Amino acid sequence: MQPLWQDSRPGRTLFRSRNEEEGVTEPFYVSRAEVWKVEGVHRRARLETGTEFDMGVHGPIKEHYRIEAQDQPLPVDYMVALTGG
């Protein structure tokens, strides 16, 4: 897939799908979010709606990598919750 455009900021590329019969189609939705580092492995995200949430590590991940940090949900925890567990 060829990028439609790429912003100078990391993670800001918009892709279009290509259909051989119909040519290039327009995207029907583009998600915009910001993620920034708070401290160590702690990250904060802001969605286009203004909703903010924190992410990090917890449990076995912290133990395995011997990370000393406040427990925070992993990004994948949010994805699992969104899909219904």
C-alpha atoms as a PDB file:
ATOM      1  CA  MET A   1       0.000   0.000   0.000  1.00  0.00           C
ATOM      2  CA  GLN A   2       1.331   3.438  -0.884  1.00  0.00           C
ATOM      3  CA  PRO A   3       0.941   6.215   1.696  1.00  0.00           C
ATOM      4  CA  LEU A   4      -1.565   8.929   0.823  1.00  0.00           C
ATOM      5  CA  TRP A   5       0.377  11.424   2.910  1.00  0.00           C
ATOM      6  CA  GLN A   6       2.862  11.316   5.735  1.00  0.00           C
ATOM      7  CA  ASP A   7       3.111  13.937   8.424  1.00  0.00           C
ATOM      8  CA  SER A   8       6.502  14.805   9.918  1.00  0.00           C
ATOM      9  CA  ARG A   9       5.321  13.438  13.274  1.00  0.00           C
ATOM     10  CA  PRO A  10       5.759   9.688  13.910  1.00  0.00           C
ATOM     11  CA  GLY A  11       2.696   7.521  13.351  1.00  0.00           C
ATOM     12  CA  ARG A  12       0.836  10.073  11.190  1.00  0.00           C
ATOM     13  CA  THR A  13       0.497   8.266   7.848  1.00  0.00           C
ATOM     14  CA  LEU A  14      -2.823   7.843   6.055  1.00  0.00           C
ATOM     15  CA  PHE A  15      -3.195   4.892   3.708  1.00  0.00           C
ATOM     16  CA  ARG A  16      -5.759   4.306   0.963  1.00  0.00           C
ATOM     17  CA  SER A  17      -6.752   0.883  -0.232  1.00  0.00           C
ATOM     18  CA  ARG A  18      -6.461   0.085  -3.926  1.00  0.00           C
ATOM     19  CA  ASN A  19      -9.122  -1.864  -5.750  1.00  0.00           C
ATOM     20  CA  GLU A  20      -8.113  -2.970  -9.258  1.00  0.00           C
ATOM     21  CA  GLU A  21     -11.623  -2.493 -10.682  1.00  0.00           C
ATOM     22  CA  GLU A  22     -12.594   0.731  -8.936  1.00  0.00           C
ATOM     23  CA  GLY A  23      -9.205   2.431  -8.627  1.00  0.00           C
ATOM     24  CA  VAL A  24      -8.268   4.255  -5.431  1.00  0.00           C
ATOM     25  CA  THR A  25     -10.981   4.567  -2.799  1.00  0.00           C
ATOM     26  CA  GLU A  26     -11.342   7.379  -0.284  1.00  0.00           C
ATOM     27  CA  PRO A  27     -10.922   6.541   3.413  1.00  0.00           C
ATOM     28  CA  PHE A  28     -14.193   6.677   5.336  1.00  0.00           C
ATOM     29  CA  TYR A  29     -12.568   7.232   8.732  1.00  0.00           C
ATOM     30  CA  VAL A  30      -9.212   8.498   9.955  1.00  0.00           C
ATOM     31  CA  SER A  31      -8.415   8.078  13.644  1.00  0.00           C
ATOM     32  CA  ARG A  32      -6.389  10.869  15.210  1.00  0.00           C
ATOM     33  CA  ALA A  33      -4.746  10.456  18.596  1.00  0.00           C
ATOM     34  CA  GLU A  34      -1.718  11.721  20.465  1.00  0.00           C
ATOM     35  CA  VAL A  35       0.480   9.661  22.783  1.00  0.00           C
ATOM     36  CA  TRP A  36       3.240  11.087  24.912  1.00  0.00           C
ATOM     37  CA  LYS A  37       5.669   9.833  27.510  1.00  0.00           C
ATOM     38  CA  VAL A  38       4.845  10.808  31.088  1.00  0.00           C
ATOM     39  CA  GLU A  39       7.709   9.007  32.843  1.00  0.00           C
ATOM     40  CA  GLY A  40       9.561   5.726  32.305  1.00  0.00           C
ATOM     41  CA  VAL A  41       7.079   3.300  30.691  1.00  0.00           C
ATOM     42  CA  HIS A  42       4.062   5.447  31.633  1.00  0.00           C
ATOM     43  CA  ARG A  43       2.310   6.898  28.550  1.00  0.00           C
ATOM     44  CA  ARG A  44      -0.733   9.157  28.234  1.00  0.00           C
ATOM     45  CA  ALA A  45      -2.995   9.154  25.176  1.00  0.00           C
ATOM     46  CA  ARG A  46      -5.542  11.717  24.019  1.00  0.00           C
ATOM     47  CA  LEU A  47      -8.204  10.858  21.484  1.00  0.00           C
ATOM     48  CA  GLU A  48      -9.701  13.346  19.037  1.00  0.00           C
ATOM     49  CA  THR A  49     -12.751  13.576  21.337  1.00  0.00           C
ATOM     50  CA  GLY A  50     -10.544  14.844  24.171  1.00  0.00           C
ATOM     51  CA  THR A  51     -10.708  11.591  26.142  1.00  0.00           C
ATOM     52  CA  GLU A  52      -7.403  10.884  27.884  1.00  0.00           C
ATOM     53  CA  PHE A  53      -6.132   7.622  29.349  1.00  0.00           C
ATOM     54  CA  ASP A  54      -2.892   6.275  30.791  1.00  0.00           C
ATOM     55  CA  MET A  55      -0.995   3.175  29.702  1.00  0.00           C
ATOM     56  CA  GLY A  56       2.041   1.352  31.030  1.00  0.00           C
ATOM     57  CA  VAL A  57       2.852  -2.117  32.328  1.00  0.00           C
ATOM     58  CA  HIS A  58       1.653  -4.368  35.127  1.00  0.00           C
ATOM     59  CA  GLY A  59       1.815  -7.882  36.564  1.00  0.00           C
ATOM     60  CA  PRO A  60       3.903 -10.514  34.753  1.00  0.00           C
ATOM     61  CA  ILE A  61       5.310  -7.965  32.288  1.00  0.00           C
ATOM     62  CA  LYS A  62       6.760  -5.884  35.137  1.00  0.00           C
ATOM     63  CA  GLU A  63       8.102  -9.001  36.826  1.00  0.00           C
ATOM     64  CA  HIS A  64       9.654 -10.439  33.668  1.00  0.00           C
ATOM     65  CA  TYR A  65      11.457  -7.216  32.720  1.00  0.00           C
ATOM     66  CA  ARG A  66      12.084  -6.224  36.380  1.00  0.00           C
ATOM     67  CA  ILE A  67      10.430  -2.842  35.902  1.00  0.00           C
ATOM     68  CA  GLU A  68       9.820  -0.615  38.890  1.00  0.00           C
ATOM     69  CA  ALA A  69       6.775   1.466  37.970  1.00  0.00           C
ATOM     70  CA  GLN A  70       3.212   2.155  39.040  1.00  0.00           C
ATOM     71  CA  ASP A  71       0.792  -0.455  37.669  1.00  0.00           C
ATOM     72  CA  GLN A  72      -0.939   0.829  34.529  1.00  0.00           C
ATOM     73  CA  PRO A  73      -3.000  -1.037  31.924  1.00  0.00           C
ATOM     74  CA  LEU A  74      -1.079  -2.239  28.881  1.00  0.00           C
ATOM     75  CA  PRO A  75      -2.191  -0.823  25.518  1.00  0.00           C
ATOM     76  CA  VAL A  76      -3.310  -4.348  24.589  1.00  0.00           C
ATOM     77  CA  ASP A  77      -5.573  -4.407  27.683  1.00  0.00           C
ATOM     78  CA  TYR A  78      -7.611  -1.598  26.124  1.00  0.00           C
ATOM     79  CA  MET A  79      -7.808  -3.447  22.805  1.00  0.00           C
ATOM     80  CA  VAL A  80      -9.010  -6.654  24.483  1.00  0.00           C
ATOM     81  CA  ALA A  81     -11.645  -4.716  26.450  1.00  0.00           C
ATOM     82  CA  LEU A  82     -12.868  -3.011  23.256  1.00  0.00           C
ATOM     83  CA  THR A  83     -13.407  -6.331  21.517  1.00  0.00           C
ATOM     84  CA  GLY A  84     -15.470  -7.705  24.370  1.00  0.00           C
ATOM     85  CA  GLY A  85     -12.818  -9.547  26.350  1.00  0.00           C
END
